[in-house]
Amino acid sequence: MTDEAQLRWMALGETTRQLPVVMLHGGPGLPDYLGDVALMVADLAPVYRYDQRGTGQSRWRGRHSFARHVDDLAELLDVWDVPKAVLIGHSYELVTRSCRAWLLGRDVRGVVATGGPWASGCDRGP
């Protein structure tokens, strides 16, 4: 990461085919718990997951903010060489990050949100 934080991430499936899926776990404060779901999706599309900064095996470094979490996602998309993706996840973090990703000009092809609130204005995109 640009601030030298190290985030634990993993990729499943053939990462050179299909539109990639990025799975985002809920939080803040919870480590990744979507491994079983990722296994179900990995035979259909490449799946990327990671522990949010400060959870699981990703240590905290720097300020805590939603913007920092969005920046982490953007930086990981660059590391993975994923210019466009479908975001699948759970809870408020997914909604916040997916809306911000649209606003930052990322090519978010779809969002599957489970158990999260709807944020007004996200349906309009950038």
N, C-alpha and C. Protein backbone atom coordinates (compact mmCIF):
# COMPACT_ATOMS: atom_id res chain seq x y z
N MET A 1 0.85 -1.17 0.00
CA MET A 1 0.00 0.00 0.00
C MET A 1 0.90 1.25 0.00
N THR A 2 0.36 2.36 -0.44
CA THR A 2 1.17 3.56 -0.54
C THR A 2 1.69 4.04 0.81
N ASP A 3 1.01 3.66 1.89
CA ASP A 3 1.49 4.06 3.22
C ASP A 3 2.27 2.93 3.90
N GLU A 4 2.67 1.94 3.11
CA GLU A 4 3.48 0.80 3.55
C GLU A 4 2.73 -0.20 4.43
N ALA A 5 1.43 -0.06 4.55
CA ALA A 5 0.63 -1.07 5.25
C ALA A 5 0.66 -2.35 4.43
N GLN A 6 0.56 -3.49 5.10
CA GLN A 6 0.50 -4.77 4.41
C GLN A 6 -0.86 -5.40 4.67
N LEU A 7 -1.62 -5.59 3.60
CA LEU A 7 -2.94 -6.20 3.72
C LEU A 7 -2.89 -7.63 3.21
N ARG A 8 -3.46 -8.53 3.98
CA ARG A 8 -3.52 -9.93 3.57
C ARG A 8 -4.63 -10.07 2.53
N TRP A 9 -4.30 -10.68 1.39
CA TRP A 9 -5.30 -10.91 0.37
C TRP A 9 -5.07 -12.27 -0.27
N MET A 10 -6.08 -12.77 -0.95
CA MET A 10 -5.98 -14.05 -1.62
C MET A 10 -6.81 -14.02 -2.90
N ALA A 11 -6.38 -14.83 -3.87
CA ALA A 11 -7.10 -14.96 -5.14
C ALA A 11 -7.44 -16.43 -5.33
N LEU A 12 -8.63 -16.68 -5.84
CA LEU A 12 -9.08 -18.04 -6.14
C LEU A 12 -9.53 -18.10 -7.59
N GLY A 13 -9.42 -19.27 -8.18
CA GLY A 13 -9.88 -19.46 -9.55
C GLY A 13 -8.84 -18.98 -10.55
N GLU A 14 -9.16 -19.17 -11.80
CA GLU A 14 -8.29 -18.76 -12.90
C GLU A 14 -8.41 -17.25 -13.08
N THR A 15 -7.38 -16.52 -12.69
CA THR A 15 -7.47 -15.07 -12.65
C THR A 15 -7.31 -14.40 -14.01
N THR A 16 -7.14 -15.17 -15.07
CA THR A 16 -7.00 -14.57 -16.41
C THR A 16 -8.28 -14.69 -17.23
N ARG A 17 -9.34 -15.20 -16.65
CA ARG A 17 -10.58 -15.35 -17.43
C ARG A 17 -11.75 -14.69 -16.70
N GLN A 18 -12.76 -14.38 -17.44
CA GLN A 18 -14.00 -13.84 -16.91
C GLN A 18 -13.81 -12.51 -16.18
N LEU A 19 -14.91 -11.88 -15.90
CA LEU A 19 -14.93 -10.65 -15.12
C LEU A 19 -14.68 -11.00 -13.66
N PRO A 20 -13.69 -10.40 -13.02
CA PRO A 20 -13.37 -10.75 -11.65
C PRO A 20 -14.43 -10.29 -10.65
N VAL A 21 -14.48 -11.02 -9.56
CA VAL A 21 -15.35 -10.71 -8.43
C VAL A 21 -14.45 -10.33 -7.26
N VAL A 22 -14.79 -9.25 -6.59
CA VAL A 22 -14.09 -8.86 -5.37
C VAL A 22 -15.08 -8.99 -4.23
N MET A 23 -14.75 -9.83 -3.27
CA MET A 23 -15.63 -10.06 -2.12
C MET A 23 -15.18 -9.18 -0.96
N LEU A 24 -16.13 -8.43 -0.42
CA LEU A 24 -15.85 -7.48 0.66
C LEU A 24 -16.62 -7.91 1.90
N HIS A 25 -15.89 -8.16 2.97
CA HIS A 25 -16.55 -8.56 4.21
C HIS A 25 -17.05 -7.34 4.96
N GLY A 26 -17.95 -7.56 5.89
CA GLY A 26 -18.53 -6.48 6.68
C GLY A 26 -17.54 -5.90 7.68
N GLY A 27 -18.01 -4.90 8.34
CA GLY A 27 -17.17 -4.25 9.33
C GLY A 27 -17.67 -2.83 9.54
N PRO A 28 -16.83 -2.01 10.04
CA PRO A 28 -15.42 -2.27 10.30
C PRO A 28 -15.21 -3.12 11.55
N GLY A 29 -14.06 -3.75 11.60
CA GLY A 29 -13.67 -4.49 12.78
C GLY A 29 -13.72 -5.99 12.67
N LEU A 30 -14.23 -6.52 11.56
CA LEU A 30 -14.32 -7.97 11.40
C LEU A 30 -13.35 -8.43 10.32
N PRO A 31 -12.65 -9.56 10.53
CA PRO A 31 -11.79 -10.10 9.47
C PRO A 31 -12.64 -10.77 8.38
N ASP A 32 -12.01 -11.09 7.28
CA ASP A 32 -12.70 -11.75 6.16
C ASP A 32 -13.34 -13.05 6.63
N TYR A 33 -14.61 -13.24 6.30
CA TYR A 33 -15.33 -14.46 6.66
C TYR A 33 -16.08 -15.02 5.45
N LEU A 34 -15.69 -14.63 4.25
CA LEU A 34 -16.41 -15.03 3.04
C LEU A 34 -15.72 -16.14 2.26
N GLY A 35 -14.80 -16.86 2.89
CA GLY A 35 -14.06 -17.92 2.21
C GLY A 35 -14.94 -19.00 1.62
N ASP A 36 -15.95 -19.45 2.36
CA ASP A 36 -16.83 -20.51 1.85
C ASP A 36 -17.62 -20.03 0.64
N VAL A 37 -18.08 -18.80 0.66
CA VAL A 37 -18.81 -18.24 -0.48
C VAL A 37 -17.87 -18.09 -1.67
N ALA A 38 -16.64 -17.65 -1.42
CA ALA A 38 -15.66 -17.49 -2.50
C ALA A 38 -15.41 -18.81 -3.21
N LEU A 39 -15.35 -19.89 -2.46
CA LEU A 39 -15.14 -21.21 -3.07
C LEU A 39 -16.27 -21.57 -4.02
N MET A 40 -17.49 -21.16 -3.70
CA MET A 40 -18.64 -21.46 -4.57
C MET A 40 -18.60 -20.65 -5.86
N VAL A 41 -17.98 -19.49 -5.83
CA VAL A 41 -17.95 -18.60 -6.99
C VAL A 41 -16.72 -18.83 -7.86
N ALA A 42 -15.64 -19.35 -7.28
CA ALA A 42 -14.34 -19.42 -7.95
C ALA A 42 -14.33 -20.28 -9.21
N ASP A 43 -15.27 -21.22 -9.34
CA ASP A 43 -15.29 -22.01 -10.58
C ASP A 43 -16.00 -21.26 -11.71
N LEU A 44 -16.63 -20.13 -11.40
CA LEU A 44 -17.33 -19.32 -12.40
C LEU A 44 -16.53 -18.08 -12.81
N ALA A 45 -15.78 -17.54 -11.87
CA ALA A 45 -15.03 -16.30 -12.11
C ALA A 45 -13.89 -16.20 -11.10
N PRO A 46 -12.84 -15.48 -11.43
CA PRO A 46 -11.79 -15.26 -10.44
C PRO A 46 -12.34 -14.46 -9.26
N VAL A 47 -11.91 -14.81 -8.07
CA VAL A 47 -12.39 -14.17 -6.85
C VAL A 47 -11.21 -13.62 -6.06
N TYR A 48 -11.32 -12.38 -5.67
CA TYR A 48 -10.31 -11.74 -4.82
C TYR A 48 -10.97 -11.37 -3.50
N ARG A 49 -10.24 -11.60 -2.39
CA ARG A 49 -10.72 -11.21 -1.06
C ARG A 49 -9.54 -10.69 -0.26
N TYR A 50 -9.86 -9.97 0.78
CA TYR A 50 -8.79 -9.47 1.66
C TYR A 50 -9.34 -9.14 3.03
N ASP A 51 -8.43 -9.15 4.01
CA ASP A 51 -8.77 -8.67 5.35
C ASP A 51 -8.64 -7.16 5.34
N GLN A 52 -9.70 -6.48 5.75
CA GLN A 52 -9.63 -5.03 5.88
C GLN A 52 -8.47 -4.63 6.78
N ARG A 53 -7.97 -3.48 6.54
CA ARG A 53 -6.93 -2.88 7.39
C ARG A 53 -7.38 -2.95 8.85
N GLY A 54 -6.50 -3.47 9.69
CA GLY A 54 -6.78 -3.54 11.12
C GLY A 54 -7.58 -4.75 11.55
N THR A 55 -7.83 -5.70 10.63
CA THR A 55 -8.57 -6.91 10.99
C THR A 55 -7.82 -8.14 10.51
N GLY A 56 -8.11 -9.28 11.12
CA GLY A 56 -7.50 -10.53 10.70
C GLY A 56 -5.99 -10.41 10.64
N GLN A 57 -5.42 -10.74 9.48
CA GLN A 57 -3.97 -10.69 9.30
C GLN A 57 -3.48 -9.40 8.64
N SER A 58 -4.35 -8.42 8.53
CA SER A 58 -3.96 -7.10 8.02
C SER A 58 -3.82 -6.14 9.20
N ARG A 59 -2.62 -5.69 9.42
CA ARG A 59 -2.36 -4.82 10.57
C ARG A 59 -2.78 -3.39 10.26
N TRP A 60 -3.12 -2.66 11.34
CA TRP A 60 -3.51 -1.27 11.18
C TRP A 60 -2.29 -0.40 10.99
N ARG A 61 -2.41 0.57 10.11
CA ARG A 61 -1.36 1.57 9.93
C ARG A 61 -2.05 2.83 9.43
N GLY A 62 -1.78 3.95 10.05
CA GLY A 62 -2.35 5.21 9.58
C GLY A 62 -3.70 5.52 10.17
N ARG A 63 -4.35 6.52 9.57
CA ARG A 63 -5.65 6.99 10.05
C ARG A 63 -6.75 6.00 9.71
N HIS A 64 -7.76 5.98 10.55
CA HIS A 64 -8.93 5.15 10.31
C HIS A 64 -10.01 6.03 9.70
N SER A 65 -10.41 5.70 8.48
CA SER A 65 -11.49 6.45 7.82
C SER A 65 -12.07 5.59 6.71
N PHE A 66 -13.31 5.90 6.32
CA PHE A 66 -13.90 5.19 5.19
C PHE A 66 -13.10 5.48 3.93
N ALA A 67 -12.61 6.70 3.80
CA ALA A 67 -11.81 7.04 2.63
C ALA A 67 -10.56 6.15 2.54
N ARG A 68 -9.93 5.86 3.67
CA ARG A 68 -8.74 5.00 3.67
C ARG A 68 -9.11 3.60 3.19
N HIS A 69 -10.27 3.08 3.64
CA HIS A 69 -10.70 1.75 3.19
C HIS A 69 -10.98 1.74 1.69
N VAL A 70 -11.56 2.81 1.18
CA VAL A 70 -11.80 2.91 -0.27
C VAL A 70 -10.47 2.97 -1.01
N ASP A 71 -9.54 3.75 -0.49
CA ASP A 71 -8.22 3.82 -1.11
C ASP A 71 -7.53 2.46 -1.11
N ASP A 72 -7.70 1.70 -0.02
CA ASP A 72 -7.13 0.35 0.04
C ASP A 72 -7.69 -0.51 -1.09
N LEU A 73 -9.02 -0.46 -1.27
CA LEU A 73 -9.63 -1.24 -2.34
C LEU A 73 -9.08 -0.80 -3.70
N ALA A 74 -8.99 0.49 -3.93
CA ALA A 74 -8.48 0.98 -5.22
C ALA A 74 -7.04 0.52 -5.44
N GLU A 75 -6.22 0.58 -4.41
CA GLU A 75 -4.82 0.16 -4.55
C GLU A 75 -4.73 -1.34 -4.81
N LEU A 76 -5.57 -2.13 -4.13
CA LEU A 76 -5.55 -3.57 -4.37
C LEU A 76 -6.00 -3.90 -5.79
N LEU A 77 -7.01 -3.20 -6.30
CA LEU A 77 -7.43 -3.43 -7.69
C LEU A 77 -6.26 -3.20 -8.64
N ASP A 78 -5.45 -2.20 -8.35
CA ASP A 78 -4.26 -1.94 -9.17
C ASP A 78 -3.23 -3.06 -9.02
N VAL A 79 -2.99 -3.50 -7.79
CA VAL A 79 -2.04 -4.60 -7.55
C VAL A 79 -2.49 -5.85 -8.30
N TRP A 80 -3.78 -6.13 -8.27
CA TRP A 80 -4.32 -7.32 -8.92
C TRP A 80 -4.45 -7.13 -10.43
N ASP A 81 -4.23 -5.93 -10.95
CA ASP A 81 -4.43 -5.60 -12.36
C ASP A 81 -5.87 -5.89 -12.77
N VAL A 82 -6.80 -5.41 -11.95
CA VAL A 82 -8.23 -5.60 -12.18
C VAL A 82 -8.85 -4.23 -12.49
N PRO A 83 -8.99 -3.89 -13.78
CA PRO A 83 -9.54 -2.58 -14.14
C PRO A 83 -11.05 -2.49 -13.97
N LYS A 84 -11.73 -3.64 -14.00
CA LYS A 84 -13.19 -3.66 -13.81
C LYS A 84 -13.54 -4.92 -13.03
N ALA A 85 -14.59 -4.82 -12.22
CA ALA A 85 -14.94 -5.95 -11.36
C ALA A 85 -16.38 -5.86 -10.92
N VAL A 86 -16.87 -6.98 -10.41
CA VAL A 86 -18.14 -7.04 -9.72
C VAL A 86 -17.81 -7.11 -8.23
N LEU A 87 -18.46 -6.26 -7.43
CA LEU A 87 -18.25 -6.26 -5.99
C LEU A 87 -19.37 -7.03 -5.32
N ILE A 88 -19.00 -8.00 -4.50
CA ILE A 88 -19.97 -8.79 -3.74
C ILE A 88 -19.58 -8.70 -2.28
N GLY A 89 -20.54 -8.39 -1.45
CA GLY A 89 -20.17 -8.31 -0.05
C GLY A 89 -21.34 -8.14 0.89
N HIS A 90 -20.97 -7.94 2.12
CA HIS A 90 -21.93 -7.92 3.20
C HIS A 90 -21.74 -6.67 4.04
N SER A 91 -22.83 -6.03 4.38
CA SER A 91 -22.86 -4.98 5.38
C SER A 91 -22.53 -3.61 4.80
N TYR A 92 -22.44 -2.67 5.69
CA TYR A 92 -22.26 -1.26 5.34
C TYR A 92 -20.99 -0.98 4.56
N GLU A 93 -19.93 -1.71 4.85
CA GLU A 93 -18.66 -1.49 4.15
C GLU A 93 -18.82 -1.64 2.64
N LEU A 94 -19.57 -2.65 2.21
CA LEU A 94 -19.75 -2.87 0.78
C LEU A 94 -20.42 -1.67 0.14
N VAL A 95 -21.49 -1.21 0.74
CA VAL A 95 -22.23 -0.09 0.15
C VAL A 95 -21.35 1.15 0.10
N THR A 96 -20.66 1.43 1.19
CA THR A 96 -19.80 2.61 1.23
C THR A 96 -18.70 2.54 0.19
N ARG A 97 -18.00 1.42 0.14
CA ARG A 97 -16.87 1.32 -0.79
C ARG A 97 -17.32 1.26 -2.24
N SER A 98 -18.41 0.58 -2.52
CA SER A 98 -18.85 0.50 -3.92
C SER A 98 -19.30 1.86 -4.42
N CYS A 99 -20.01 2.62 -3.60
CA CYS A 99 -20.42 3.96 -4.02
C CYS A 99 -19.21 4.85 -4.25
N ARG A 100 -18.26 4.80 -3.35
CA ARG A 100 -17.05 5.61 -3.50
C ARG A 100 -16.25 5.17 -4.73
N ALA A 101 -16.22 3.86 -5.00
CA ALA A 101 -15.49 3.37 -6.17
C ALA A 101 -16.07 3.97 -7.45
N TRP A 102 -17.40 4.04 -7.53
CA TRP A 102 -18.02 4.68 -8.69
C TRP A 102 -17.58 6.13 -8.78
N LEU A 103 -17.59 6.80 -7.65
CA LEU A 103 -17.23 8.22 -7.64
C LEU A 103 -15.77 8.44 -8.00
N LEU A 104 -14.92 7.46 -7.71
CA LEU A 104 -13.51 7.57 -8.04
C LEU A 104 -13.21 7.13 -9.47
N GLY A 105 -14.26 6.84 -10.25
CA GLY A 105 -14.08 6.50 -11.65
C GLY A 105 -13.71 5.05 -11.90
N ARG A 106 -13.87 4.19 -10.92
CA ARG A 106 -13.58 2.77 -11.11
C ARG A 106 -14.70 2.13 -11.91
N ASP A 107 -14.36 1.11 -12.68
CA ASP A 107 -15.33 0.43 -13.51
C ASP A 107 -15.96 -0.71 -12.71
N VAL A 108 -16.96 -0.36 -11.93
CA VAL A 108 -17.70 -1.34 -11.14
C VAL A 108 -18.85 -1.83 -12.01
N ARG A 109 -18.76 -3.09 -12.45
CA ARG A 109 -19.75 -3.64 -13.38
C ARG A 109 -21.01 -4.12 -12.70
N GLY A 110 -20.94 -4.37 -11.40
CA GLY A 110 -22.11 -4.81 -10.67
C GLY A 110 -21.81 -4.84 -9.19
N VAL A 111 -22.88 -4.77 -8.41
CA VAL A 111 -22.77 -4.83 -6.96
C VAL A 111 -23.83 -5.79 -6.45
N VAL A 112 -23.39 -6.75 -5.64
CA VAL A 112 -24.32 -7.64 -4.95
C VAL A 112 -24.12 -7.36 -3.47
N ALA A 113 -25.12 -6.75 -2.84
CA ALA A 113 -25.03 -6.38 -1.43
C ALA A 113 -25.97 -7.26 -0.62
N THR A 114 -25.44 -7.87 0.42
CA THR A 114 -26.27 -8.66 1.31
C THR A 114 -26.19 -8.07 2.71
N GLY A 115 -27.34 -7.87 3.32
CA GLY A 115 -27.38 -7.40 4.69
C GLY A 115 -26.88 -6.00 4.90
N GLY A 116 -26.88 -5.18 3.87
CA GLY A 116 -26.37 -3.82 4.04
C GLY A 116 -27.47 -2.80 3.80
N PRO A 117 -27.31 -1.62 4.38
CA PRO A 117 -28.29 -0.55 4.13
C PRO A 117 -28.09 0.03 2.74
N TRP A 118 -29.12 0.60 2.20
CA TRP A 118 -28.99 1.26 0.91
C TRP A 118 -28.63 2.72 1.15
N ALA A 119 -27.67 3.20 0.41
CA ALA A 119 -27.23 4.59 0.54
C ALA A 119 -27.83 5.40 -0.60
N SER A 120 -28.59 6.39 -0.29
CA SER A 120 -29.25 7.22 -1.29
C SER A 120 -28.22 7.81 -2.25
N GLY A 121 -28.51 7.74 -3.53
CA GLY A 121 -27.64 8.33 -4.53
C GLY A 121 -26.72 7.35 -5.22
N CYS A 122 -26.51 6.18 -4.65
CA CYS A 122 -25.61 5.21 -5.28
C CYS A 122 -26.15 4.71 -6.61
N ASP A 123 -27.46 4.69 -6.75
CA ASP A 123 -28.06 4.19 -7.97
C ASP A 123 -27.81 5.13 -9.15
N ARG A 124 -27.36 6.33 -8.89
CA ARG A 124 -27.12 7.29 -9.97
C ARG A 124 -25.71 7.22 -10.52
N GLY A 125 -24.80 6.56 -9.81
CA GLY A 125 -23.42 6.48 -10.27
C GLY A 125 -22.72 7.83 -10.17
N PRO A 126 -21.63 7.99 -10.92
CA PRO A 126 -20.86 9.24 -10.82
C PRO A 126 -21.58 10.43 -11.41
